[in-house]
Amino acid sequence: MAHDDAAIVKVADLFDPEPTTWGLRGDPYVWRALREHLSGTDVPASVDEVVGLLYAAFGELVGHDLVSDPASSVYREQHAYGGMSSGMISLDTWRERLIPMLAERARKLLEA
């Protein structure tokens, strides 16, 4: 990526488009909260830095460390908007699919 482009690309840009499938009902709300939370943050220079930033932001917003917390899901009332599993966040989906998806988008962006 050209150096001039790096300053204008924000981490929030990695969140578009949204995934077509989620783990649990709270996941899209966390996705959108992360995008908003990182809207003013420039994309770091490496994929590892991007992933670190995503894990840290996820921990701040959800209150769980995806690396050290073995739970497969958690409930967060602030992401409960109705429905049987409302407010449930799939930590497994974030670890196994959503964070890797964002990391891959960052990799493609940084290699461009």
PDB file of N, CA and C in Angstrom:
ATOM      1  N   MET A   1       0.849  -1.169   0.000  1.00  0.00           N
ATOM      2  CA  MET A   1       0.000   0.000   0.000  1.00  0.00           C
ATOM      3  C   MET A   1       0.894   1.232   0.000  1.00  0.00           C
ATOM      4  N   ALA A   2       0.513   2.193  -0.788  1.00  0.00           N
ATOM      5  CA  ALA A   2       1.267   3.444  -0.835  1.00  0.00           C
ATOM      6  C   ALA A   2       1.145   4.151   0.500  1.00  0.00           C
ATOM      7  N   HIS A   3       2.221   4.781   0.926  1.00  0.00           N
ATOM      8  CA  HIS A   3       2.255   5.426   2.234  1.00  0.00           C
ATOM      9  C   HIS A   3       1.155   6.480   2.378  1.00  0.00           C
ATOM     10  N   ASP A   4       0.886   7.241   1.329  1.00  0.00           N
ATOM     11  CA  ASP A   4      -0.136   8.290   1.406  1.00  0.00           C
ATOM     12  C   ASP A   4      -1.521   7.714   1.681  1.00  0.00           C
ATOM     13  N   ASP A   5      -1.803   6.519   1.152  1.00  0.00           N
ATOM     14  CA  ASP A   5      -3.094   5.888   1.352  1.00  0.00           C
ATOM     15  C   ASP A   5      -3.276   5.409   2.792  1.00  0.00           C
ATOM     16  N   ALA A   6      -2.190   5.006   3.446  1.00  0.00           N
ATOM     17  CA  ALA A   6      -2.279   4.436   4.790  1.00  0.00           C
ATOM     18  C   ALA A   6      -2.888   5.416   5.782  1.00  0.00           C
ATOM     19  N   ALA A   7      -2.611   6.686   5.630  1.00  0.00           N
ATOM     20  CA  ALA A   7      -3.096   7.676   6.593  1.00  0.00           C
ATOM     21  C   ALA A   7      -4.604   7.885   6.509  1.00  0.00           C
ATOM     22  N   ILE A   8      -5.198   7.598   5.355  1.00  0.00           N
ATOM     23  CA  ILE A   8      -6.628   7.861   5.222  1.00  0.00           C
ATOM     24  C   ILE A   8      -7.496   6.619   5.423  1.00  0.00           C
ATOM     25  N   VAL A   9      -6.897   5.423   5.417  1.00  0.00           N
ATOM     26  CA  VAL A   9      -7.665   4.202   5.602  1.00  0.00           C
ATOM     27  C   VAL A   9      -7.823   3.941   7.098  1.00  0.00           C
ATOM     28  N   LYS A  10      -9.054   3.768   7.517  1.00  0.00           N
ATOM     29  CA  LYS A  10      -9.373   3.551   8.923  1.00  0.00           C
ATOM     30  C   LYS A  10      -9.690   2.077   9.173  1.00  0.00           C
ATOM     31  N   VAL A  11      -9.460   1.626  10.398  1.00  0.00           N
ATOM     32  CA  VAL A  11      -9.763   0.242  10.763  1.00  0.00           C
ATOM     33  C   VAL A  11     -11.238  -0.047  10.507  1.00  0.00           C
ATOM     34  N   ALA A  12     -12.090   0.922  10.714  1.00  0.00           N
ATOM     35  CA  ALA A  12     -13.531   0.735  10.488  1.00  0.00           C
ATOM     36  C   ALA A  12     -13.840   0.316   9.048  1.00  0.00           C
ATOM     37  N   ASP A  13     -12.965   0.690   8.098  1.00  0.00           N
ATOM     38  CA  ASP A  13     -13.171   0.308   6.703  1.00  0.00           C
ATOM     39  C   ASP A  13     -13.120  -1.209   6.508  1.00  0.00           C
ATOM     40  N   LEU A  14     -12.430  -1.912   7.397  1.00  0.00           N
ATOM     41  CA  LEU A  14     -12.330  -3.370   7.292  1.00  0.00           C
ATOM     42  C   LEU A  14     -13.667  -4.051   7.567  1.00  0.00           C
ATOM     43  N   PHE A  15     -14.598  -3.357   8.191  1.00  0.00           N
ATOM     44  CA  PHE A  15     -15.866  -3.941   8.610  1.00  0.00           C
ATOM     45  C   PHE A  15     -16.934  -3.927   7.517  1.00  0.00           C
ATOM     46  N   ASP A  16     -16.610  -3.409   6.350  1.00  0.00           N
ATOM     47  CA  ASP A  16     -17.558  -3.386   5.232  1.00  0.00           C
ATOM     48  C   ASP A  16     -17.060  -4.265   4.104  1.00  0.00           C
ATOM     49  N   PRO A  17     -17.877  -5.168   3.619  1.00  0.00           N
ATOM     50  CA  PRO A  17     -19.265  -5.434   3.994  1.00  0.00           C
ATOM     51  C   PRO A  17     -19.358  -6.304   5.248  1.00  0.00           C
ATOM     52  N   GLU A  18     -20.541  -6.285   5.855  1.00  0.00           N
ATOM     53  CA  GLU A  18     -20.792  -7.151   7.004  1.00  0.00           C
ATOM     54  C   GLU A  18     -20.883  -8.601   6.526  1.00  0.00           C
ATOM     55  N   PRO A  19     -20.557  -9.539   7.415  1.00  0.00           N
ATOM     56  CA  PRO A  19     -20.730 -10.961   7.064  1.00  0.00           C
ATOM     57  C   PRO A  19     -22.204 -11.264   6.781  1.00  0.00           C
ATOM     58  N   THR A  20     -22.438 -12.315   6.029  1.00  0.00           N
ATOM     59  CA  THR A  20     -23.817 -12.708   5.730  1.00  0.00           C
ATOM     60  C   THR A  20     -24.373 -13.642   6.788  1.00  0.00           C
ATOM     61  N   THR A  21     -23.500 -14.275   7.576  1.00  0.00           N
ATOM     62  CA  THR A  21     -23.946 -15.153   8.658  1.00  0.00           C
ATOM     63  C   THR A  21     -23.202 -14.803   9.945  1.00  0.00           C
ATOM     64  N   TRP A  22     -23.861 -15.067  11.056  1.00  0.00           N
ATOM     65  CA  TRP A  22     -23.315 -14.759  12.380  1.00  0.00           C
ATOM     66  C   TRP A  22     -23.373 -16.009  13.235  1.00  0.00           C
ATOM     67  N   GLY A  23     -22.764 -15.949  14.399  1.00  0.00           N
ATOM     68  CA  GLY A  23     -22.838 -17.060  15.344  1.00  0.00           C
ATOM     69  C   GLY A  23     -24.105 -16.966  16.184  1.00  0.00           C
ATOM     70  N   LEU A  24     -24.271 -15.822  16.882  1.00  0.00           N
ATOM     71  CA  LEU A  24     -25.438 -15.596  17.729  1.00  0.00           C
ATOM     72  C   LEU A  24     -25.997 -14.197  17.480  1.00  0.00           C
ATOM     73  N   ARG A  25     -27.176 -13.926  18.008  1.00  0.00           N
ATOM     74  CA  ARG A  25     -27.874 -12.666  17.708  1.00  0.00           C
ATOM     75  C   ARG A  25     -27.131 -11.406  18.125  1.00  0.00           C
ATOM     76  N   GLY A  26     -26.294 -11.484  19.138  1.00  0.00           N
ATOM     77  CA  GLY A  26     -25.563 -10.296  19.574  1.00  0.00           C
ATOM     78  C   GLY A  26     -24.372  -9.955  18.700  1.00  0.00           C
ATOM     79  N   ASP A  27     -23.910 -10.903  17.873  1.00  0.00           N
ATOM     80  CA  ASP A  27     -22.698 -10.686  17.072  1.00  0.00           C
ATOM     81  C   ASP A  27     -22.766  -9.490  16.123  1.00  0.00           C
ATOM     82  N   PRO A  28     -23.871  -9.290  15.385  1.00  0.00           N
ATOM     83  CA  PRO A  28     -23.891  -8.119  14.501  1.00  0.00           C
ATOM     84  C   PRO A  28     -23.810  -6.799  15.261  1.00  0.00           C
ATOM     85  N   TYR A  29     -24.348  -6.775  16.470  1.00  0.00           N
ATOM     86  CA  TYR A  29     -24.295  -5.542  17.263  1.00  0.00           C
ATOM     87  C   TYR A  29     -22.873  -5.276  17.752  1.00  0.00           C
ATOM     88  N   VAL A  30     -22.153  -6.334  18.080  1.00  0.00           N
ATOM     89  CA  VAL A  30     -20.753  -6.182  18.466  1.00  0.00           C
ATOM     90  C   VAL A  30     -19.939  -5.730  17.256  1.00  0.00           C
ATOM     91  N   TRP A  31     -20.214  -6.310  16.100  1.00  0.00           N
ATOM     92  CA  TRP A  31     -19.532  -5.928  14.854  1.00  0.00           C
ATOM     93  C   TRP A  31     -19.676  -4.420  14.620  1.00  0.00           C
ATOM     94  N   ARG A  32     -20.914  -3.947  14.730  1.00  0.00           N
ATOM     95  CA  ARG A  32     -21.178  -2.521  14.488  1.00  0.00           C
ATOM     96  C   ARG A  32     -20.567  -1.646  15.572  1.00  0.00           C
ATOM     97  N   ALA A  33     -20.580  -2.113  16.816  1.00  0.00           N
ATOM     98  CA  ALA A  33     -19.968  -1.358  17.914  1.00  0.00           C
ATOM     99  C   ALA A  33     -18.452  -1.269  17.719  1.00  0.00           C
ATOM    100  N   LEU A  34     -17.836  -2.359  17.272  1.00  0.00           N
ATOM    101  CA  LEU A  34     -16.387  -2.337  17.001  1.00  0.00           C
ATOM    102  C   LEU A  34     -16.069  -1.374  15.867  1.00  0.00           C
ATOM    103  N   ARG A  35     -16.866  -1.435  14.807  1.00  0.00           N
ATOM    104  CA  ARG A  35     -16.651  -0.530  13.674  1.00  0.00           C
ATOM    105  C   ARG A  35     -16.719   0.920  14.143  1.00  0.00           C
ATOM    106  N   GLU A  36     -17.715   1.243  14.946  1.00  0.00           N
ATOM    107  CA  GLU A  36     -17.862   2.603  15.459  1.00  0.00           C
ATOM    108  C   GLU A  36     -16.705   2.963  16.391  1.00  0.00           C
ATOM    109  N   HIS A  37     -16.356   2.042  17.276  1.00  0.00           N
ATOM    110  CA  HIS A  37     -15.282   2.257  18.247  1.00  0.00           C
ATOM    111  C   HIS A  37     -13.944   2.546  17.551  1.00  0.00           C
ATOM    112  N   LEU A  38     -13.720   1.900  16.415  1.00  0.00           N
ATOM    113  CA  LEU A  38     -12.442   2.029  15.700  1.00  0.00           C
ATOM    114  C   LEU A  38     -12.525   2.984  14.515  1.00  0.00           C
ATOM    115  N   SER A  39     -13.609   3.743  14.424  1.00  0.00           N
ATOM    116  CA  SER A  39     -13.837   4.592  13.248  1.00  0.00           C
ATOM    117  C   SER A  39     -12.760   5.654  13.042  1.00  0.00           C
ATOM    118  N   GLY A  40     -12.142   6.118  14.097  1.00  0.00           N
ATOM    119  CA  GLY A  40     -11.113   7.147  13.956  1.00  0.00           C
ATOM    120  C   GLY A  40      -9.701   6.614  13.977  1.00  0.00           C
ATOM    121  N   THR A  41      -9.549   5.289  13.989  1.00  0.00           N
ATOM    122  CA  THR A  41      -8.230   4.666  14.111  1.00  0.00           C
ATOM    123  C   THR A  41      -7.673   4.302  12.741  1.00  0.00           C
ATOM    124  N   ASP A  42      -6.460   4.791  12.447  1.00  0.00           N
ATOM    125  CA  ASP A  42      -5.790   4.429  11.199  1.00  0.00           C
ATOM    126  C   ASP A  42      -5.407   2.950  11.219  1.00  0.00           C
ATOM    127  N   VAL A  43      -5.402   2.330  10.039  1.00  0.00           N
ATOM    128  CA  VAL A  43      -4.972   0.943   9.929  1.00  0.00           C
ATOM    129  C   VAL A  43      -3.476   0.881  10.254  1.00  0.00           C
ATOM    130  N   PRO A  44      -3.096   0.034  11.232  1.00  0.00           N
ATOM    131  CA  PRO A  44      -1.675  -0.112  11.550  1.00  0.00           C
ATOM    132  C   PRO A  44      -0.889  -0.693  10.376  1.00  0.00           C
ATOM    133  N   ALA A  45       0.424  -0.714  10.518  1.00  0.00           N
ATOM    134  CA  ALA A  45       1.309  -1.122   9.424  1.00  0.00           C
ATOM    135  C   ALA A  45       1.378  -2.625   9.204  1.00  0.00           C
ATOM    136  N   SER A  46       0.928  -3.431  10.171  1.00  0.00           N
ATOM    137  CA  SER A  46       1.006  -4.883   9.995  1.00  0.00           C
ATOM    138  C   SER A  46      -0.306  -5.552  10.397  1.00  0.00           C
ATOM    139  N   VAL A  47      -0.514  -6.744   9.864  1.00  0.00           N
ATOM    140  CA  VAL A  47      -1.710  -7.515  10.190  1.00  0.00           C
ATOM    141  C   VAL A  47      -1.713  -7.873  11.674  1.00  0.00           C
ATOM    142  N   ASP A  48      -0.561  -8.213  12.220  1.00  0.00           N
ATOM    143  CA  ASP A  48      -0.487  -8.546  13.650  1.00  0.00           C
ATOM    144  C   ASP A  48      -0.939  -7.374  14.516  1.00  0.00           C
ATOM    145  N   GLU A  49      -0.564  -6.166  14.127  1.00  0.00           N
ATOM    146  CA  GLU A  49      -1.000  -4.981  14.875  1.00  0.00           C
ATOM    147  C   GLU A  49      -2.506  -4.779  14.755  1.00  0.00           C
ATOM    148  N   VAL A  50      -3.046  -5.032  13.576  1.00  0.00           N
ATOM    149  CA  VAL A  50      -4.495  -4.928  13.371  1.00  0.00           C
ATOM    150  C   VAL A  50      -5.206  -5.924  14.270  1.00  0.00           C
ATOM    151  N   VAL A  51      -4.740  -7.170  14.272  1.00  0.00           N
ATOM    152  CA  VAL A  51      -5.364  -8.212  15.093  1.00  0.00           C
ATOM    153  C   VAL A  51      -5.276  -7.845  16.573  1.00  0.00           C
ATOM    154  N   GLY A  52      -4.137  -7.353  17.012  1.00  0.00           N
ATOM    155  CA  GLY A  52      -3.991  -6.929  18.397  1.00  0.00           C
ATOM    156  C   GLY A  52      -4.977  -5.831  18.758  1.00  0.00           C
ATOM    157  N   LEU A  53      -5.139  -4.894  17.850  1.00  0.00           N
ATOM    158  CA  LEU A  53      -6.085  -3.798  18.050  1.00  0.00           C
ATOM    159  C   LEU A  53      -7.519  -4.327  18.128  1.00  0.00           C
ATOM    160  N   LEU A  54      -7.862  -5.271  17.265  1.00  0.00           N
ATOM    161  CA  LEU A  54      -9.203  -5.858  17.270  1.00  0.00           C
ATOM    162  C   LEU A  54      -9.479  -6.617  18.561  1.00  0.00           C
ATOM    163  N   TYR A  55      -8.514  -7.417  19.002  1.00  0.00           N
ATOM    164  CA  TYR A  55      -8.680  -8.155  20.258  1.00  0.00           C
ATOM    165  C   TYR A  55      -8.840  -7.200  21.438  1.00  0.00           C
ATOM    166  N   ALA A  56      -8.035  -6.148  21.469  1.00  0.00           N
ATOM    167  CA  ALA A  56      -8.115  -5.175  22.563  1.00  0.00           C
ATOM    168  C   ALA A  56      -9.465  -4.467  22.563  1.00  0.00           C
ATOM    169  N   ALA A  57      -9.923  -4.033  21.391  1.00  0.00           N
ATOM    170  CA  ALA A  57     -11.208  -3.338  21.292  1.00  0.00           C
ATOM    171  C   ALA A  57     -12.354  -4.277  21.663  1.00  0.00           C
ATOM    172  N   PHE A  58     -12.277  -5.526  21.213  1.00  0.00           N
ATOM    173  CA  PHE A  58     -13.305  -6.508  21.567  1.00  0.00           C
ATOM    174  C   PHE A  58     -13.359  -6.668  23.084  1.00  0.00           C
ATOM    175  N   GLY A  59     -12.204  -6.788  23.714  1.00  0.00           N
ATOM    176  CA  GLY A  59     -12.141  -6.922  25.168  1.00  0.00           C
ATOM    177  C   GLY A  59     -12.756  -5.736  25.881  1.00  0.00           C
ATOM    178  N   GLU A  60     -12.504  -4.533  25.369  1.00  0.00           N
ATOM    179  CA  GLU A  60     -13.071  -3.326  25.968  1.00  0.00           C
ATOM    180  C   GLU A  60     -14.599  -3.312  25.856  1.00  0.00           C
ATOM    181  N   LEU A  61     -15.105  -3.652  24.681  1.00  0.00           N
ATOM    182  CA  LEU A  61     -16.540  -3.543  24.427  1.00  0.00           C
ATOM    183  C   LEU A  61     -17.359  -4.697  24.993  1.00  0.00           C
ATOM    184  N   VAL A  62     -16.785  -5.896  24.986  1.00  0.00           N
ATOM    185  CA  VAL A  62     -17.538  -7.075  25.414  1.00  0.00           C
ATOM    186  C   VAL A  62     -17.156  -7.497  26.833  1.00  0.00           C
ATOM    187  N   GLY A  63     -15.959  -7.116  27.260  1.00  0.00           N
ATOM    188  CA  GLY A  63     -15.530  -7.474  28.602  1.00  0.00           C
ATOM    189  C   GLY A  63     -14.972  -8.874  28.719  1.00  0.00           C
ATOM    190  N   HIS A  64     -14.575  -9.466  27.602  1.00  0.00           N
ATOM    191  CA  HIS A  64     -13.985 -10.801  27.595  1.00  0.00           C
ATOM    192  C   HIS A  64     -12.766 -10.813  26.685  1.00  0.00           C
ATOM    193  N   ASP A  65     -11.733 -11.504  27.145  1.00  0.00           N
ATOM    194  CA  ASP A  65     -10.509 -11.662  26.371  1.00  0.00           C
ATOM    195  C   ASP A  65     -10.665 -12.904  25.505  1.00  0.00           C
ATOM    196  N   LEU A  66     -10.662 -12.727  24.197  1.00  0.00           N
ATOM    197  CA  LEU A  66     -10.842 -13.850  23.283  1.00  0.00           C
ATOM    198  C   LEU A  66      -9.708 -14.864  23.366  1.00  0.00           C
ATOM    199  N   VAL A  67      -8.540 -14.442  23.824  1.00  0.00           N
ATOM    200  CA  VAL A  67      -7.398 -15.358  23.901  1.00  0.00           C
ATOM    201  C   VAL A  67      -7.460 -16.205  25.167  1.00  0.00           C
ATOM    202  N   SER A  68      -7.707 -15.583  26.303  1.00  0.00           N
ATOM    203  CA  SER A  68      -7.603 -16.316  27.569  1.00  0.00           C
ATOM    204  C   SER A  68      -8.928 -16.855  28.092  1.00  0.00           C
ATOM    205  N   ASP A  69     -10.049 -16.337  27.641  1.00  0.00           N
ATOM    206  CA  ASP A  69     -11.353 -16.777  28.134  1.00  0.00           C
ATOM    207  C   ASP A  69     -11.819 -17.999  27.343  1.00  0.00           C
ATOM    208  N   PRO A  70     -11.963 -19.154  27.999  1.00  0.00           N
ATOM    209  CA  PRO A  70     -12.353 -20.373  27.271  1.00  0.00           C
ATOM    210  C   PRO A  70     -13.848 -20.469  26.950  1.00  0.00           C
ATOM    211  N   ALA A  71     -14.657 -19.549  27.453  1.00  0.00           N
ATOM    212  CA  ALA A  71     -16.106 -19.612  27.207  1.00  0.00           C
ATOM    213  C   ALA A  71     -16.392 -19.594  25.705  1.00  0.00           C
ATOM    214  N   SER A  72     -17.455 -20.267  25.315  1.00  0.00           N
ATOM    215  CA  SER A  72     -17.825 -20.275  23.902  1.00  0.00           C
ATOM    216  C   SER A  72     -18.773 -19.136  23.560  1.00  0.00           C
ATOM    217  N   SER A  73     -19.488 -18.624  24.577  1.00  0.00           N
ATOM    218  CA  SER A  73     -20.394 -17.498  24.346  1.00  0.00           C
ATOM    219  C   SER A  73     -20.607 -16.741  25.653  1.00  0.00           C
ATOM    220  N   VAL A  74     -21.087 -15.512  25.520  1.00  0.00           N
ATOM    221  CA  VAL A  74     -21.399 -14.677  26.683  1.00  0.00           C
ATOM    222  C   VAL A  74     -22.672 -13.886  26.392  1.00  0.00           C
ATOM    223  N   TYR A  75     -23.318 -13.457  27.460  1.00  0.00           N
ATOM    224  CA  TYR A  75     -24.502 -12.604  27.334  1.00  0.00           C
ATOM    225  C   TYR A  75     -24.117 -11.181  27.704  1.00  0.00           C
ATOM    226  N   ARG A  76     -24.539 -10.225  26.885  1.00  0.00           N
ATOM    227  CA  ARG A  76     -24.332  -8.810  27.172  1.00  0.00           C
ATOM    228  C   ARG A  76     -25.649  -8.093  26.940  1.00  0.00           C
ATOM    229  N   GLU A  77     -26.214  -7.565  28.021  1.00  0.00           N
ATOM    230  CA  GLU A  77     -27.523  -6.912  27.948  1.00  0.00           C
ATOM    231  C   GLU A  77     -27.544  -5.765  26.945  1.00  0.00           C
ATOM    232  N   GLN A  78     -26.439  -5.028  26.817  1.00  0.00           N
ATOM    233  CA  GLN A  78     -26.423  -3.885  25.897  1.00  0.00           C
ATOM    234  C   GLN A  78     -26.581  -4.308  24.436  1.00  0.00           C
ATOM    235  N   HIS A  79     -26.447  -5.603  24.141  1.00  0.00           N
ATOM    236  CA  HIS A  79     -26.634  -6.089  22.775  1.00  0.00           C
ATOM    237  C   HIS A  79     -27.880  -6.959  22.652  1.00  0.00           C
ATOM    238  N   ALA A  80     -28.803  -6.822  23.605  1.00  0.00           N
ATOM    239  CA  ALA A  80     -30.047  -7.583  23.594  1.00  0.00           C
ATOM    240  C   ALA A  80     -31.161  -6.720  23.012  1.00  0.00           C
ATOM    241  N   TYR A  81     -31.628  -7.124  21.850  1.00  0.00           N
ATOM    242  CA  TYR A  81     -32.662  -6.347  21.159  1.00  0.00           C
ATOM    243  C   TYR A  81     -33.881  -7.189  20.806  1.00  0.00           C
ATOM    244  N   GLY A  82     -34.089  -8.292  21.503  1.00  0.00           N
ATOM    245  CA  GLY A  82     -35.253  -9.134  21.266  1.00  0.00           C
ATOM    246  C   GLY A  82     -34.893 -10.437  20.582  1.00  0.00           C
ATOM    247  N   GLY A  83     -35.692 -11.455  20.859  1.00  0.00           N
ATOM    248  CA  GLY A  83     -35.441 -12.773  20.281  1.00  0.00           C
ATOM    249  C   GLY A  83     -34.856 -13.710  21.328  1.00  0.00           C
ATOM    250  N   MET A  84     -34.916 -14.993  21.041  1.00  0.00           N
ATOM    251  CA  MET A  84     -34.550 -15.993  22.029  1.00  0.00           C
ATOM    252  C   MET A  84     -33.088 -15.921  22.470  1.00  0.00           C
ATOM    253  N   SER A  85     -32.161 -15.713  21.549  1.00  0.00           N
ATOM    254  CA  SER A  85     -30.749 -15.646  21.941  1.00  0.00           C
ATOM    255  C   SER A  85     -30.238 -14.203  21.923  1.00  0.00           C
ATOM    256  N   SER A  86     -31.150 -13.258  22.032  1.00  0.00           N
ATOM    257  CA  SER A  86     -30.783 -11.852  22.011  1.00  0.00           C
ATOM    258  C   SER A  86     -29.765 -11.542  23.098  1.00  0.00           C
ATOM    259  N   GLY A  87     -28.738 -10.806  22.724  1.00  0.00           N
ATOM    260  CA  GLY A  87     -27.700 -10.435  23.671  1.00  0.00           C
ATOM    261  C   GLY A  87     -26.585 -11.453  23.801  1.00  0.00           C
ATOM    262  N   MET A  88     -26.742 -12.598  23.165  1.00  0.00           N
ATOM    263  CA  MET A  88     -25.710 -13.631  23.214  1.00  0.00           C
ATOM    264  C   MET A  88     -24.664 -13.362  22.129  1.00  0.00           C
ATOM    265  N   ILE A  89     -23.406 -13.448  22.539  1.00  0.00           N
ATOM    266  CA  ILE A  89     -22.278 -13.217  21.638  1.00  0.00           C
ATOM    267  C   ILE A  89     -21.481 -14.508  21.566  1.00  0.00           C
ATOM    268  N   SER A  90     -21.217 -14.974  20.360  1.00  0.00           N
ATOM    269  CA  SER A  90     -20.447 -16.196  20.168  1.00  0.00           C
ATOM    270  C   SER A  90     -18.957 -15.875  20.150  1.00  0.00           C
ATOM    271  N   LEU A  91     -18.286 -16.137  21.268  1.00  0.00           N
ATOM    272  CA  LEU A  91     -16.838 -15.917  21.316  1.00  0.00           C
ATOM    273  C   LEU A  91     -16.130 -16.838  20.327  1.00  0.00           C
ATOM    274  N   ASP A  92     -16.657 -18.061  20.176  1.00  0.00           N
ATOM    275  CA  ASP A  92     -16.062 -19.000  19.219  1.00  0.00           C
ATOM    276  C   ASP A  92     -16.121 -18.451  17.794  1.00  0.00           C
ATOM    277  N   THR A  93     -17.260 -17.880  17.419  1.00  0.00           N
ATOM    278  CA  THR A  93     -17.390 -17.312  16.078  1.00  0.00           C
ATOM    279  C   THR A  93     -16.413 -16.166  15.884  1.00  0.00           C
ATOM    280  N   TRP A  94     -16.240 -15.334  16.888  1.00  0.00           N
ATOM    281  CA  TRP A  94     -15.288 -14.230  16.784  1.00  0.00           C
ATOM    282  C   TRP A  94     -13.861 -14.744  16.663  1.00  0.00           C
ATOM    283  N   ARG A  95     -13.526 -15.780  17.451  1.00  0.00           N
ATOM    284  CA  ARG A  95     -12.168 -16.334  17.402  1.00  0.00           C
ATOM    285  C   ARG A  95     -11.888 -17.053  16.093  1.00  0.00           C
ATOM    286  N   GLU A  96     -12.866 -17.826  15.641  1.00  0.00           N
ATOM    287  CA  GLU A  96     -12.642 -18.742  14.518  1.00  0.00           C
ATOM    288  C   GLU A  96     -12.976 -18.156  13.150  1.00  0.00           C
ATOM    289  N   ARG A  97     -13.863 -17.173  13.102  1.00  0.00           N
ATOM    290  CA  ARG A  97     -14.285 -16.690  11.787  1.00  0.00           C
ATOM    291  C   ARG A  97     -14.225 -15.182  11.617  1.00  0.00           C
ATOM    292  N   LEU A  98     -14.748 -14.416  12.582  1.00  0.00           N
ATOM    293  CA  LEU A  98     -14.885 -12.974  12.354  1.00  0.00           C
ATOM    294  C   LEU A  98     -13.550 -12.223  12.474  1.00  0.00           C
ATOM    295  N   ILE A  99     -12.776 -12.483  13.524  1.00  0.00           N
ATOM    296  CA  ILE A  99     -11.462 -11.832  13.624  1.00  0.00           C
ATOM    297  C   ILE A  99     -10.571 -12.280  12.464  1.00  0.00           C
ATOM    298  N   PRO A 100     -10.512 -13.589  12.133  1.00  0.00           N
ATOM    299  CA  PRO A 100      -9.720 -13.983  10.955  1.00  0.00           C
ATOM    300  C   PRO A 100     -10.186 -13.317   9.652  1.00  0.00           C
ATOM    301  N   MET A 101     -11.499 -13.108   9.500  1.00  0.00           N
ATOM    302  CA  MET A 101     -12.015 -12.423   8.312  1.00  0.00           C
ATOM    303  C   MET A 101     -11.481 -10.990   8.258  1.00  0.00           C
ATOM    304  N   LEU A 102     -11.520 -10.297   9.376  1.00  0.00           N
ATOM    305  CA  LEU A 102     -11.009  -8.928   9.427  1.00  0.00           C
ATOM    306  C   LEU A 102      -9.504  -8.895   9.199  1.00  0.00           C
ATOM    307  N   ALA A 103      -8.792  -9.881   9.733  1.00  0.00           N
ATOM    308  CA  ALA A 103      -7.339  -9.971   9.533  1.00  0.00           C
ATOM    309  C   ALA A 103      -7.016 -10.182   8.058  1.00  0.00           C
ATOM    310  N   GLU A 104      -7.792 -11.014   7.392  1.00  0.00           N
ATOM    311  CA  GLU A 104      -7.571 -11.260   5.962  1.00  0.00           C
ATOM    312  C   GLU A 104      -7.862  -9.997   5.148  1.00  0.00           C
ATOM    313  N   ARG A 105      -8.892  -9.276   5.510  1.00  0.00           N
ATOM    314  CA  ARG A 105      -9.169  -8.007   4.829  1.00  0.00           C
ATOM    315  C   ARG A 105      -8.019  -7.027   5.039  1.00  0.00           C
ATOM    316  N   ALA A 106      -7.460  -6.995   6.250  1.00  0.00           N
ATOM    317  CA  ALA A 106      -6.325  -6.119   6.522  1.00  0.00           C
ATOM    318  C   ALA A 106      -5.120  -6.542   5.700  1.00  0.00           C
ATOM    319  N   ARG A 107      -4.879  -7.844   5.626  1.00  0.00           N
ATOM    320  CA  ARG A 107      -3.751  -8.346   4.841  1.00  0.00           C
ATOM    321  C   ARG A 107      -3.852  -7.905   3.381  1.00  0.00           C
ATOM    322  N   LYS A 108      -5.034  -8.072   2.800  1.00  0.00           N
ATOM    323  CA  LYS A 108      -5.244  -7.659   1.400  1.00  0.00           C
ATOM    324  C   LYS A 108      -5.056  -6.171   1.228  1.00  0.00           C
ATOM    325  N   LEU A 109      -5.542  -5.401   2.179  1.00  0.00           N
ATOM    326  CA  LEU A 109      -5.405  -3.939   2.125  1.00  0.00           C
ATOM    327  C   LEU A 109      -3.942  -3.534   2.215  1.00  0.00           C
ATOM    328  N   LEU A 110      -3.206  -4.148   3.126  1.00  0.00           N
ATOM    329  CA  LEU A 110      -1.811  -3.780   3.332  1.00  0.00           C
ATOM    330  C   LEU A 110      -0.907  -4.232   2.189  1.00  0.00           C
ATOM    331  N   GLU A 111      -1.326  -5.293   1.487  1.00  0.00           N
ATOM    332  CA  GLU A 111      -0.541  -5.783   0.354  1.00  0.00           C
ATOM    333  C   GLU A 111      -0.843  -5.023  -0.933  1.00  0.00           C
ATOM    334  N   ALA A 112      -1.941  -4.292  -0.951  1.00  0.00           N
ATOM    335  CA  ALA A 112      -2.364  -3.590  -2.179  1.00  0.00           C
ATOM    336  C   ALA A 112      -1.398  -2.475  -2.532  1.00  0.00           C
TER     337      ALA A 112
END
